């Protein structure tokens, strides 16, 4: 039988009746917390699809949320989050996991609640404490608005409530790009075809991660080209490019505000 460990998220705070306890937590907030912790433990789609069973128990002592996981997962999570607590930032985390810490930090600022993360490896000492004095919010300057061309294969598309396509690239791996129903249904079938996508979204300056991607247009991907014609076009464009003083402003105008 596999050895089991646990991850504990303890939430403390004040209510009109005194200290926060499990009876003060609405089921909608519990549901949100369960989703948050699943993302924190298994931030990528692959990890979530292949994750082991995680059982849950809530205990008194403020609101002590216990998540029972394989011991190996508890060890790895404790090691990672201990370093996050020491460095006082979320740079080591996957973007989705970092967003959860960011979310709890903002809640702490607005509600005064405190979050203490412990585990079976460190049951008596929180390796991450989030309160009104901590500063785990990721600097907004880490993310910049971008638009770019991506080349790869569309391997999934659709969605009931949120329409998007799943795109496999050599450089960025698997990406999810929001699109409209019209964009996905117009023209020829695009599933499992190699395409270029013109997208806008955000990119992290340090990690290079992309997020909040939205489809602007499809680009037909041509593997063959006329090198002579290409070189002539490059030479012609180079002469015109020299005449433009502020190239960034000019590009922004040409793109029609795609960065906005």
C-alpha atoms as a PDB file:
ATOM      1  CA  UNK A   1       0.000   0.000   0.000  1.00  0.00           C
ATOM      2  CA  UNK A   2       1.290   3.462  -0.919  1.00  0.00           C
ATOM      3  CA  UNK A   3       2.372   5.630   2.008  1.00  0.00           C
ATOM      4  CA  UNK A   4       0.128   8.655   2.518  1.00  0.00           C
ATOM      5  CA  UNK A   5       1.069  12.152   3.614  1.00  0.00           C
ATOM      6  CA  UNK A   6      -0.915  15.347   3.803  1.00  0.00           C
ATOM      7  CA  UNK A   7      -0.911  19.016   2.883  1.00  0.00           C
ATOM      8  CA  UNK A   8      -2.683  21.377   5.266  1.00  0.00           C
ATOM      9  CA  UNK A   9      -4.116  24.815   4.443  1.00  0.00           C
ATOM     10  CA  UNK A  10      -5.193  26.512   7.668  1.00  0.00           C
ATOM     11  CA  UNK A  11      -7.273  29.678   7.359  1.00  0.00           C
ATOM     12  CA  UNK A  12      -7.684  31.947  10.366  1.00  0.00           C
ATOM     13  CA  UNK A  13      -9.546  35.203  10.832  1.00  0.00           C
ATOM     14  CA  UNK A  14     -12.241  37.035  12.728  1.00  0.00           C
ATOM     15  CA  UNK A  15     -16.024  37.054  12.342  1.00  0.00           C
ATOM     16  CA  UNK A  16     -18.793  38.902  14.163  1.00  0.00           C
ATOM     17  CA  UNK A  17     -19.091  35.869  16.453  1.00  0.00           C
ATOM     18  CA  UNK A  18     -15.384  35.570  17.215  1.00  0.00           C
ATOM     19  CA  UNK A  19     -12.706  33.438  15.570  1.00  0.00           C
ATOM     20  CA  UNK A  20     -13.288  31.873  12.169  1.00  0.00           C
ATOM     21  CA  UNK A  21     -14.365  28.218  12.283  1.00  0.00           C
ATOM     22  CA  UNK A  22     -15.589  25.666   9.713  1.00  0.00           C
ATOM     23  CA  UNK A  23     -19.255  26.561  10.258  1.00  0.00           C
ATOM     24  CA  UNK A  24     -18.544  30.096   8.987  1.00  0.00           C
ATOM     25  CA  UNK A  25     -17.462  28.828   5.563  1.00  0.00           C
ATOM     26  CA  UNK A  26     -20.135  28.615   2.872  1.00  0.00           C
ATOM     27  CA  UNK A  27     -20.141  25.604   0.543  1.00  0.00           C
ATOM     28  CA  UNK A  28     -19.331  27.866  -2.438  1.00  0.00           C
ATOM     29  CA  UNK A  29     -16.158  29.030  -0.712  1.00  0.00           C
ATOM     30  CA  UNK A  30     -15.251  25.429   0.131  1.00  0.00           C
ATOM     31  CA  UNK A  31     -15.742  24.456  -3.509  1.00  0.00           C
ATOM     32  CA  UNK A  32     -13.497  27.332  -4.605  1.00  0.00           C
ATOM     33  CA  UNK A  33     -10.803  26.315  -2.105  1.00  0.00           C
ATOM     34  CA  UNK A  34     -10.840  22.693  -3.305  1.00  0.00           C
ATOM     35  CA  UNK A  35     -10.352  23.868  -6.887  1.00  0.00           C
ATOM     36  CA  UNK A  36      -7.568  26.249  -5.817  1.00  0.00           C
ATOM     37  CA  UNK A  37      -5.684  23.543  -3.935  1.00  0.00           C
ATOM     38  CA  UNK A  38      -6.003  21.093  -6.820  1.00  0.00           C
ATOM     39  CA  UNK A  39      -4.452  23.728  -9.104  1.00  0.00           C
ATOM     40  CA  UNK A  40      -1.734  24.498  -6.559  1.00  0.00           C
ATOM     41  CA  UNK A  41      -0.786  20.817  -6.259  1.00  0.00           C
ATOM     42  CA  UNK A  42      -1.237  19.937  -9.933  1.00  0.00           C
ATOM     43  CA  UNK A  43      -0.910  23.147 -11.972  1.00  0.00           C
ATOM     44  CA  UNK A  44      -0.482  21.706 -15.464  1.00  0.00           C
ATOM     45  CA  UNK A  45      -3.174  19.974 -17.489  1.00  0.00           C
ATOM     46  CA  UNK A  46      -1.095  16.782 -17.681  1.00  0.00           C
ATOM     47  CA  UNK A  47      -0.515  16.723 -13.919  1.00  0.00           C
ATOM     48  CA  UNK A  48      -4.215  17.246 -13.291  1.00  0.00           C
ATOM     49  CA  UNK A  49      -5.237  14.488 -15.691  1.00  0.00           C
ATOM     50  CA  UNK A  50      -2.750  12.013 -14.210  1.00  0.00           C
ATOM     51  CA  UNK A  51      -2.996  13.048 -10.559  1.00  0.00           C
ATOM     52  CA  UNK A  52      -3.452  10.481  -7.784  1.00  0.00           C
ATOM     53  CA  UNK A  53      -6.491  10.361  -5.541  1.00  0.00           C
ATOM     54  CA  UNK A  54      -6.664  13.276  -3.115  1.00  0.00           C
ATOM     55  CA  UNK A  55      -9.024  12.985  -0.126  1.00  0.00           C
ATOM     56  CA  UNK A  56     -10.159  15.873   2.041  1.00  0.00           C
ATOM     57  CA  UNK A  57     -11.022  16.594   5.663  1.00  0.00           C
ATOM     58  CA  UNK A  58     -11.733  19.833   7.496  1.00  0.00           C
ATOM     59  CA  UNK A  59     -10.888  20.246  11.178  1.00  0.00           C
ATOM     60  CA  UNK A  60     -11.358  22.821  13.912  1.00  0.00           C
ATOM     61  CA  UNK A  61      -8.477  25.065  14.846  1.00  0.00           C
ATOM     62  CA  UNK A  62      -9.592  28.058  12.813  1.00  0.00           C
ATOM     63  CA  UNK A  63     -10.364  26.226   9.551  1.00  0.00           C
ATOM     64  CA  UNK A  64      -7.812  23.479   9.009  1.00  0.00           C
ATOM     65  CA  UNK A  65      -8.187  21.967   5.539  1.00  0.00           C
ATOM     66  CA  UNK A  66      -6.379  18.620   5.248  1.00  0.00           C
ATOM     67  CA  UNK A  67      -5.550  17.145   1.839  1.00  0.00           C
ATOM     68  CA  UNK A  68      -4.262  13.586   1.867  1.00  0.00           C
ATOM     69  CA  UNK A  69      -1.836  12.761  -0.946  1.00  0.00           C
ATOM     70  CA  UNK A  70       0.908  10.210  -1.632  1.00  0.00           C
ATOM     71  CA  UNK A  71       3.897  10.789   0.653  1.00  0.00           C
ATOM     72  CA  UNK A  72       6.180  11.457  -2.326  1.00  0.00           C
ATOM     73  CA  UNK A  73       3.908  14.314  -3.440  1.00  0.00           C
ATOM     74  CA  UNK A  74       3.875  15.765   0.073  1.00  0.00           C
ATOM     75  CA  UNK A  75       7.691  15.693   0.157  1.00  0.00           C
ATOM     76  CA  UNK A  76       8.099  17.382  -3.245  1.00  0.00           C
ATOM     77  CA  UNK A  77       5.424  19.987  -2.529  1.00  0.00           C
ATOM     78  CA  UNK A  78       6.954  20.797   0.869  1.00  0.00           C
ATOM     79  CA  UNK A  79      10.413  21.242  -0.641  1.00  0.00           C
ATOM     80  CA  UNK A  80       9.122  23.544  -3.384  1.00  0.00           C
ATOM     81  CA  UNK A  81       6.899  25.658  -1.163  1.00  0.00           C
ATOM     82  CA  UNK A  82       9.553  25.929   1.547  1.00  0.00           C
ATOM     83  CA  UNK A  83      11.784  27.622  -1.025  1.00  0.00           C
ATOM     84  CA  UNK A  84       8.892  29.877  -2.048  1.00  0.00           C
ATOM     85  CA  UNK A  85       8.476  30.863   1.608  1.00  0.00           C
ATOM     86  CA  UNK A  86      12.191  31.578   1.986  1.00  0.00           C
ATOM     87  CA  UNK A  87      12.435  33.658  -1.186  1.00  0.00           C
ATOM     88  CA  UNK A  88       9.133  35.418  -0.455  1.00  0.00           C
ATOM     89  CA  UNK A  89       8.045  35.254  -4.103  1.00  0.00           C
ATOM     90  CA  UNK A  90       6.409  32.815  -6.498  1.00  0.00           C
ATOM     91  CA  UNK A  91       8.955  32.791  -9.323  1.00  0.00           C
ATOM     92  CA  UNK A  92       9.613  29.059  -8.832  1.00  0.00           C
ATOM     93  CA  UNK A  93       5.960  28.105  -9.331  1.00  0.00           C
ATOM     94  CA  UNK A  94       4.087  27.293 -12.498  1.00  0.00           C
ATOM     95  CA  UNK A  95       1.989  30.321 -13.573  1.00  0.00           C
ATOM     96  CA  UNK A  96      -1.333  28.751 -12.518  1.00  0.00           C
ATOM     97  CA  UNK A  97       0.051  27.788  -9.096  1.00  0.00           C
ATOM     98  CA  UNK A  98       1.560  31.257  -8.636  1.00  0.00           C
ATOM     99  CA  UNK A  99      -1.846  32.750  -9.461  1.00  0.00           C
ATOM    100  CA  UNK A 100      -3.411  30.865  -6.532  1.00  0.00           C
ATOM    101  CA  UNK A 101      -0.872  32.279  -4.059  1.00  0.00           C
ATOM    102  CA  UNK A 102      -1.453  35.698  -5.593  1.00  0.00           C
ATOM    103  CA  UNK A 103      -5.222  35.229  -5.153  1.00  0.00           C
ATOM    104  CA  UNK A 104      -4.914  34.241  -1.484  1.00  0.00           C
ATOM    105  CA  UNK A 105      -2.614  37.204  -0.863  1.00  0.00           C
ATOM    106  CA  UNK A 106      -5.186  39.604  -2.275  1.00  0.00           C
ATOM    107  CA  UNK A 107      -7.920  38.006  -0.178  1.00  0.00           C
ATOM    108  CA  UNK A 108      -5.745  38.422   2.878  1.00  0.00           C
ATOM    109  CA  UNK A 109      -5.344  42.121   2.132  1.00  0.00           C
ATOM    110  CA  UNK A 110      -9.107  42.647   1.763  1.00  0.00           C
ATOM    111  CA  UNK A 111     -10.473  40.309   4.465  1.00  0.00           C
ATOM    112  CA  UNK A 112      -7.667  40.110   7.013  1.00  0.00           C
ATOM    113  CA  UNK A 113      -7.611  36.318   6.836  1.00  0.00           C
ATOM    114  CA  UNK A 114      -4.354  34.425   7.205  1.00  0.00           C
ATOM    115  CA  UNK A 115      -3.277  31.295   5.322  1.00  0.00           C
ATOM    116  CA  UNK A 116      -0.775  28.833   6.777  1.00  0.00           C
ATOM    117  CA  UNK A 117       0.565  26.010   4.603  1.00  0.00           C
ATOM    118  CA  UNK A 118       2.025  22.994   6.418  1.00  0.00           C
ATOM    119  CA  UNK A 119       2.384  19.299   5.631  1.00  0.00           C
ATOM    120  CA  UNK A 120       3.063  15.903   7.144  1.00  0.00           C
ATOM    121  CA  UNK A 121       6.749  16.697   6.524  1.00  0.00           C
ATOM    122  CA  UNK A 122       6.507  19.946   8.485  1.00  0.00           C
ATOM    123  CA  UNK A 123       3.371  19.663  10.663  1.00  0.00           C
ATOM    124  CA  UNK A 124       4.297  22.203  13.337  1.00  0.00           C
ATOM    125  CA  UNK A 125       5.926  24.933  11.266  1.00  0.00           C
ATOM    126  CA  UNK A 126       4.236  26.718   8.340  1.00  0.00           C
ATOM    127  CA  UNK A 127       6.586  26.927   5.380  1.00  0.00           C
ATOM    128  CA  UNK A 128       4.374  29.546   3.730  1.00  0.00           C
ATOM    129  CA  UNK A 129       2.388  32.163   5.678  1.00  0.00           C
ATOM    130  CA  UNK A 130       0.137  34.574   3.816  1.00  0.00           C
ATOM    131  CA  UNK A 131      -1.196  37.559   5.725  1.00  0.00           C
ATOM    132  CA  UNK A 132      -1.563  41.329   5.434  1.00  0.00           C
ATOM    133  CA  UNK A 133       2.171  41.759   6.008  1.00  0.00           C
ATOM    134  CA  UNK A 134       3.354  39.281   3.352  1.00  0.00           C
ATOM    135  CA  UNK A 135       3.946  40.324  -0.244  1.00  0.00           C
ATOM    136  CA  UNK A 136       3.377  37.334  -2.485  1.00  0.00           C
ATOM    137  CA  UNK A 137       1.593  39.300  -5.218  1.00  0.00           C
ATOM    138  CA  UNK A 138       3.547  38.968  -8.459  1.00  0.00           C
ATOM    139  CA  UNK A 139       4.731  42.331  -9.821  1.00  0.00           C
ATOM    140  CA  UNK A 140       2.481  43.395 -12.679  1.00  0.00           C
ATOM    141  CA  UNK A 141       5.533  44.453 -14.692  1.00  0.00           C
ATOM    142  CA  UNK A 142       6.486  40.779 -15.031  1.00  0.00           C
ATOM    143  CA  UNK A 143       3.786  40.450 -17.711  1.00  0.00           C
ATOM    144  CA  UNK A 144       3.658  42.496 -20.889  1.00  0.00           C
ATOM    145  CA  UNK A 145       1.054  42.700 -23.637  1.00  0.00           C
ATOM    146  CA  UNK A 146       2.219  41.026 -26.822  1.00  0.00           C
ATOM    147  CA  UNK A 147       0.989  39.837 -30.158  1.00  0.00           C
ATOM    148  CA  UNK A 148       2.906  37.249 -32.096  1.00  0.00           C
ATOM    149  CA  UNK A 149       2.761  34.508 -34.678  1.00  0.00           C
ATOM    150  CA  UNK A 150       2.715  30.898 -33.510  1.00  0.00           C
ATOM    151  CA  UNK A 151       3.230  27.861 -35.712  1.00  0.00           C
ATOM    152  CA  UNK A 152       2.127  24.356 -34.838  1.00  0.00           C
ATOM    153  CA  UNK A 153      -0.706  21.818 -34.955  1.00  0.00           C
ATOM    154  CA  UNK A 154      -4.273  22.271 -33.750  1.00  0.00           C
ATOM    155  CA  UNK A 155      -5.107  19.125 -31.752  1.00  0.00           C
ATOM    156  CA  UNK A 156      -8.366  20.115 -30.044  1.00  0.00           C
ATOM    157  CA  UNK A 157     -11.013  22.772 -30.547  1.00  0.00           C
ATOM    158  CA  UNK A 158     -14.452  23.695 -29.299  1.00  0.00           C
ATOM    159  CA  UNK A 159     -15.797  24.139 -25.783  1.00  0.00           C
ATOM    160  CA  UNK A 160     -19.318  24.549 -24.412  1.00  0.00           C
ATOM    161  CA  UNK A 161     -19.008  27.604 -22.178  1.00  0.00           C
ATOM    162  CA  UNK A 162     -15.663  28.936 -23.366  1.00  0.00           C
ATOM    163  CA  UNK A 163     -14.680  28.411 -26.986  1.00  0.00           C
ATOM    164  CA  UNK A 164     -10.985  27.833 -27.614  1.00  0.00           C
ATOM    165  CA  UNK A 165      -8.462  25.776 -29.504  1.00  0.00           C
ATOM    166  CA  UNK A 166      -5.523  23.752 -28.216  1.00  0.00           C
ATOM    167  CA  UNK A 167      -2.314  24.317 -30.115  1.00  0.00           C
ATOM    168  CA  UNK A 168       0.935  22.317 -30.006  1.00  0.00           C
ATOM    169  CA  UNK A 169       4.121  24.270 -30.748  1.00  0.00           C
ATOM    170  CA  UNK A 170       7.776  23.290 -30.668  1.00  0.00           C
ATOM    171  CA  UNK A 171       8.824  26.424 -28.774  1.00  0.00           C
ATOM    172  CA  UNK A 172       6.060  26.909 -26.178  1.00  0.00           C
ATOM    173  CA  UNK A 173       4.584  23.412 -25.946  1.00  0.00           C
ATOM    174  CA  UNK A 174       0.806  23.104 -25.543  1.00  0.00           C
ATOM    175  CA  UNK A 175      -1.119  26.384 -25.567  1.00  0.00           C
ATOM    176  CA  UNK A 176      -4.796  27.242 -25.138  1.00  0.00           C
ATOM    177  CA  UNK A 177      -6.011  30.090 -27.355  1.00  0.00           C
ATOM    178  CA  UNK A 178      -9.438  31.670 -26.899  1.00  0.00           C
ATOM    179  CA  UNK A 179     -11.402  32.009 -30.127  1.00  0.00           C
ATOM    180  CA  UNK A 180     -14.926  32.687 -31.360  1.00  0.00           C
ATOM    181  CA  UNK A 181     -17.276  30.030 -32.674  1.00  0.00           C
ATOM    182  CA  UNK A 182     -17.198  31.764 -36.057  1.00  0.00           C
ATOM    183  CA  UNK A 183     -13.406  31.575 -36.217  1.00  0.00           C
ATOM    184  CA  UNK A 184     -13.442  27.830 -35.567  1.00  0.00           C
ATOM    185  CA  UNK A 185     -16.283  26.944 -37.923  1.00  0.00           C
ATOM    186  CA  UNK A 186     -15.522  29.140 -40.941  1.00  0.00           C
ATOM    187  CA  UNK A 187     -13.470  27.724 -43.801  1.00  0.00           C
ATOM    188  CA  UNK A 188     -11.968  24.256 -44.027  1.00  0.00           C
ATOM    189  CA  UNK A 189     -11.536  21.834 -41.149  1.00  0.00           C
ATOM    190  CA  UNK A 190      -8.467  22.909 -39.175  1.00  0.00           C
ATOM    191  CA  UNK A 191      -8.240  20.071 -36.651  1.00  0.00           C
ATOM    192  CA  UNK A 192      -4.917  18.186 -36.786  1.00  0.00           C
ATOM    193  CA  UNK A 193      -3.644  20.588 -39.425  1.00  0.00           C
ATOM    194  CA  UNK A 194      -0.434  22.621 -39.227  1.00  0.00           C
ATOM    195  CA  UNK A 195      -1.318  26.294 -39.037  1.00  0.00           C
ATOM    196  CA  UNK A 196       0.057  29.654 -38.114  1.00  0.00           C
ATOM    197  CA  UNK A 197      -1.877  31.684 -35.552  1.00  0.00           C
ATOM    198  CA  UNK A 198      -1.761  35.427 -35.086  1.00  0.00           C
ATOM    199  CA  UNK A 199      -2.588  35.906 -31.409  1.00  0.00           C
ATOM    200  CA  UNK A 200      -2.534  38.546 -28.698  1.00  0.00           C
ATOM    201  CA  UNK A 201      -2.046  37.978 -24.993  1.00  0.00           C
ATOM    202  CA  UNK A 202       0.526  38.363 -22.245  1.00  0.00           C
ATOM    203  CA  UNK A 203       4.079  37.062 -21.862  1.00  0.00           C
ATOM    204  CA  UNK A 204       6.213  36.827 -18.734  1.00  0.00           C
ATOM    205  CA  UNK A 205       9.443  38.749 -19.170  1.00  0.00           C
ATOM    206  CA  UNK A 206      11.474  36.325 -17.063  1.00  0.00           C
ATOM    207  CA  UNK A 207      10.048  32.890 -17.849  1.00  0.00           C
ATOM    208  CA  UNK A 208       8.705  33.517 -21.349  1.00  0.00           C
ATOM    209  CA  UNK A 209       5.371  31.883 -20.404  1.00  0.00           C
ATOM    210  CA  UNK A 210       2.335  32.934 -22.424  1.00  0.00           C
ATOM    211  CA  UNK A 211      -1.164  33.441 -21.000  1.00  0.00           C
ATOM    212  CA  UNK A 212      -4.566  34.962 -21.838  1.00  0.00           C
ATOM    213  CA  UNK A 213      -4.074  34.198 -25.519  1.00  0.00           C
ATOM    214  CA  UNK A 214      -6.776  35.281 -27.978  1.00  0.00           C
ATOM    215  CA  UNK A 215      -6.918  34.411 -31.649  1.00  0.00           C
ATOM    216  CA  UNK A 216      -6.713  37.325 -34.060  1.00  0.00           C
ATOM    217  CA  UNK A 217      -6.500  35.326 -37.285  1.00  0.00           C
ATOM    218  CA  UNK A 218      -5.318  32.097 -38.881  1.00  0.00           C
ATOM    219  CA  UNK A 219      -2.285  32.032 -41.156  1.00  0.00           C
ATOM    220  CA  UNK A 220      -1.916  29.429 -43.869  1.00  0.00           C
ATOM    221  CA  UNK A 221       1.354  27.669 -43.212  1.00  0.00           C
ATOM    222  CA  UNK A 222       3.385  27.145 -46.372  1.00  0.00           C
ATOM    223  CA  UNK A 223       6.440  24.917 -45.991  1.00  0.00           C
ATOM    224  CA  UNK A 224       7.765  25.808 -49.468  1.00  0.00           C
ATOM    225  CA  UNK A 225       8.757  29.293 -50.547  1.00  0.00           C
ATOM    226  CA  UNK A 226      10.646  31.028 -53.321  1.00  0.00           C
ATOM    227  CA  UNK A 227      13.958  32.111 -51.786  1.00  0.00           C
ATOM    228  CA  UNK A 228      14.685  34.594 -54.581  1.00  0.00           C
ATOM    229  CA  UNK A 229      11.340  36.332 -54.096  1.00  0.00           C
ATOM    230  CA  UNK A 230      11.825  36.333 -50.334  1.00  0.00           C
ATOM    231  CA  UNK A 231      15.255  37.980 -50.558  1.00  0.00           C
ATOM    232  CA  UNK A 232      13.899  40.661 -52.892  1.00  0.00           C
ATOM    233  CA  UNK A 233      11.109  41.433 -50.452  1.00  0.00           C
ATOM    234  CA  UNK A 234      13.582  41.624 -47.557  1.00  0.00           C
ATOM    235  CA  UNK A 235      15.802  44.051 -49.478  1.00  0.00           C
ATOM    236  CA  UNK A 236      12.821  46.194 -50.388  1.00  0.00           C
ATOM    237  CA  UNK A 237      11.470  46.222 -46.845  1.00  0.00           C
ATOM    238  CA  UNK A 238      14.883  47.038 -45.363  1.00  0.00           C
ATOM    239  CA  UNK A 239      15.072  50.289 -47.328  1.00  0.00           C
ATOM    240  CA  UNK A 240      11.613  51.371 -46.212  1.00  0.00           C
ATOM    241  CA  UNK A 241      12.309  50.270 -42.613  1.00  0.00           C
ATOM    242  CA  UNK A 242      15.221  52.708 -42.385  1.00  0.00           C
ATOM    243  CA  UNK A 243      12.846  55.630 -43.024  1.00  0.00           C
ATOM    244  CA  UNK A 244      10.713  54.909 -39.947  1.00  0.00           C
ATOM    245  CA  UNK A 245      11.976  56.737 -36.864  1.00  0.00           C
ATOM    246  CA  UNK A 246       9.808  55.262 -34.094  1.00  0.00           C
ATOM    247  CA  UNK A 247       9.316  51.680 -35.244  1.00  0.00           C
ATOM    248  CA  UNK A 248       7.378  50.558 -32.128  1.00  0.00           C
ATOM    249  CA  UNK A 249       4.737  53.279 -32.559  1.00  0.00           C
ATOM    250  CA  UNK A 250       4.459  52.518 -36.265  1.00  0.00           C
ATOM    251  CA  UNK A 251       3.961  48.794 -35.615  1.00  0.00           C
ATOM    252  CA  UNK A 252       1.300  49.529 -33.001  1.00  0.00           C
ATOM    253  CA  UNK A 253      -0.623  51.655 -35.506  1.00  0.00           C
ATOM    254  CA  UNK A 254      -0.332  49.035 -38.241  1.00  0.00           C
ATOM    255  CA  UNK A 255      -1.549  46.260 -35.937  1.00  0.00           C
ATOM    256  CA  UNK A 256      -4.642  48.242 -35.099  1.00  0.00           C
ATOM    257  CA  UNK A 257      -4.227  48.177 -31.323  1.00  0.00           C
ATOM    258  CA  UNK A 258      -3.774  44.402 -31.100  1.00  0.00           C
ATOM    259  CA  UNK A 259      -1.689  44.902 -27.952  1.00  0.00           C
ATOM    260  CA  UNK A 260      -4.542  46.595 -26.110  1.00  0.00           C
END
